[in-house]
Amino acid sequence: MQRVQQGDLVEVIAGKDKGLRGEVVRVLTKKNRVIVNGVNIMKRHRKARPAPGGQQIPAQIIEFEAPLHLSNVMLVCPVSDEPTRVGFRFTEDGRKVRYSKKSGSIIE
């Protein structure tokens, strides 16, 4: 189980986008990185290139969200609406769940 999962609301705590919040679009577990919606926007210039059928795709500038390192984001507690650390505990029925260290509430 990961501390940050797809669909979580996170806040950036370091870097050029410090203070911005967004939803986690994707978690790259092997690289310890997350892609957050609307945060860390990068631009890539693409050359004109041929397309199938004899067409030509024009040159363009593409904007996309670049991955952030997990240490630069913090989960936002659903109860207190503040960034919080995440802990793990087991419920009475034996399930492992995440909980907010700030408020103590379980994060679904």
Protein backbone atom coordinates (compact mmCIF):
# COMPACT_ATOMS: atom_id res chain seq x y z
CA MET A 1 0.00 0.00 0.00
CA GLN A 2 1.31 3.44 -0.98
CA ARG A 3 1.14 6.60 1.11
CA VAL A 4 -0.13 8.52 -1.91
CA GLN A 5 -2.55 6.87 -4.32
CA GLN A 6 -4.23 7.79 -7.58
CA GLY A 7 -7.13 10.17 -6.97
CA ASP A 8 -5.73 11.67 -3.74
CA LEU A 9 -5.62 15.42 -3.20
CA VAL A 10 -2.03 16.51 -2.54
CA GLU A 11 -0.23 19.79 -1.90
CA VAL A 12 3.22 20.59 -3.27
CA ILE A 13 5.57 21.42 -0.36
CA ALA A 14 8.78 22.15 -2.29
CA GLY A 15 9.85 23.48 -5.67
CA LYS A 16 8.57 26.09 -8.10
CA ASP A 17 4.91 25.12 -7.57
CA LYS A 18 5.04 25.18 -3.76
CA GLY A 19 1.60 25.65 -2.23
CA LEU A 20 -0.41 24.42 -5.23
CA ARG A 21 -2.90 21.61 -4.80
CA GLY A 22 -4.06 19.02 -7.28
CA GLU A 23 -5.34 15.51 -7.75
CA VAL A 24 -2.90 12.66 -8.34
CA VAL A 25 -3.35 11.44 -11.91
CA ARG A 26 -0.75 8.67 -11.83
CA VAL A 27 1.74 7.14 -9.39
CA LEU A 28 5.08 5.91 -10.77
CA THR A 29 6.06 3.53 -7.96
CA LYS A 30 9.39 2.33 -9.35
CA LYS A 31 10.63 5.91 -9.77
CA ASN A 32 9.01 7.26 -6.54
CA ARG A 33 7.20 9.96 -8.49
CA VAL A 34 3.65 11.22 -8.97
CA ILE A 35 1.92 13.16 -11.72
CA VAL A 36 -0.38 15.83 -10.29
CA ASN A 37 -3.13 17.46 -12.35
CA GLY A 38 -2.32 21.11 -13.18
CA VAL A 39 1.04 21.15 -11.37
CA ASN A 40 4.61 21.20 -12.77
CA ILE A 41 3.52 22.14 -16.30
CA MET A 42 6.27 21.71 -18.90
CA LYS A 43 6.40 22.58 -22.61
CA ARG A 44 7.79 20.40 -25.35
CA HIS A 45 8.43 21.67 -28.88
CA ARG A 46 7.66 19.10 -31.58
CA LYS A 47 8.91 19.24 -35.16
CA ALA A 48 6.62 18.94 -38.14
CA ARG A 49 6.43 15.30 -39.15
CA PRO A 50 4.74 13.14 -41.74
CA ALA A 51 1.53 11.33 -40.83
CA PRO A 52 0.05 8.20 -42.40
CA GLY A 53 -1.75 8.83 -45.69
CA GLY A 54 0.63 11.47 -47.01
CA GLN A 55 -0.54 14.14 -44.55
CA GLN A 56 1.78 16.48 -42.64
CA ILE A 57 1.42 17.18 -38.89
CA PRO A 58 2.48 20.79 -38.25
CA ALA A 59 5.05 21.86 -35.67
CA GLN A 60 3.51 22.52 -32.26
CA ILE A 61 4.19 23.26 -28.62
CA ILE A 62 2.70 20.66 -26.26
CA GLU A 63 2.07 21.34 -22.57
CA PHE A 64 2.06 18.41 -20.13
CA GLU A 65 2.38 17.64 -16.43
CA ALA A 66 5.85 16.39 -15.54
CA PRO A 67 6.31 13.95 -12.63
CA LEU A 68 7.16 15.23 -9.14
CA HIS A 69 9.15 13.32 -6.55
CA LEU A 70 7.05 11.85 -3.73
CA SER A 71 9.04 13.78 -1.12
CA ASN A 72 7.87 17.07 -2.65
CA VAL A 73 4.15 16.40 -2.17
CA MET A 74 2.06 15.89 0.96
CA LEU A 75 -1.38 14.36 1.24
CA VAL A 76 -4.19 16.77 2.21
CA CYS A 77 -6.26 15.53 5.16
CA PRO A 78 -9.95 15.25 4.18
CA VAL A 79 -11.08 16.32 7.68
CA SER A 80 -8.82 19.29 8.52
CA ASP A 81 -8.05 20.31 4.89
CA GLU A 82 -4.35 20.69 5.76
CA PRO A 83 -1.26 18.81 4.53
CA THR A 84 -0.53 15.83 6.77
CA ARG A 85 1.77 12.88 7.14
CA VAL A 86 0.33 9.45 6.51
CA GLY A 87 0.47 6.45 8.81
CA PHE A 88 -0.81 2.89 8.56
CA ARG A 89 -2.90 0.88 10.99
CA PHE A 90 -5.04 -2.23 10.98
CA THR A 91 -8.80 -2.12 11.56
CA GLU A 92 -10.73 -4.58 13.72
CA ASP A 93 -11.51 -6.75 10.70
CA GLY A 94 -7.80 -6.97 9.78
CA ARG A 95 -7.68 -4.50 6.87
CA LYS A 96 -4.62 -2.25 6.53
CA VAL A 97 -5.71 1.39 6.12
CA ARG A 98 -4.06 4.79 5.84
CA TYR A 99 -4.71 7.43 8.47
CA SER A 100 -3.91 11.10 8.91
CA LYS A 101 -1.26 11.72 11.57
CA LYS A 102 -2.62 15.25 12.12
CA SER A 103 -6.29 14.44 12.77
CA GLY A 104 -6.13 10.67 13.33
CA SER A 105 -8.94 10.04 10.83
CA ILE A 106 -8.89 7.16 8.37
CA ILE A 107 -8.22 8.08 4.74
CA GLU A 108 -10.34 6.09 2.29
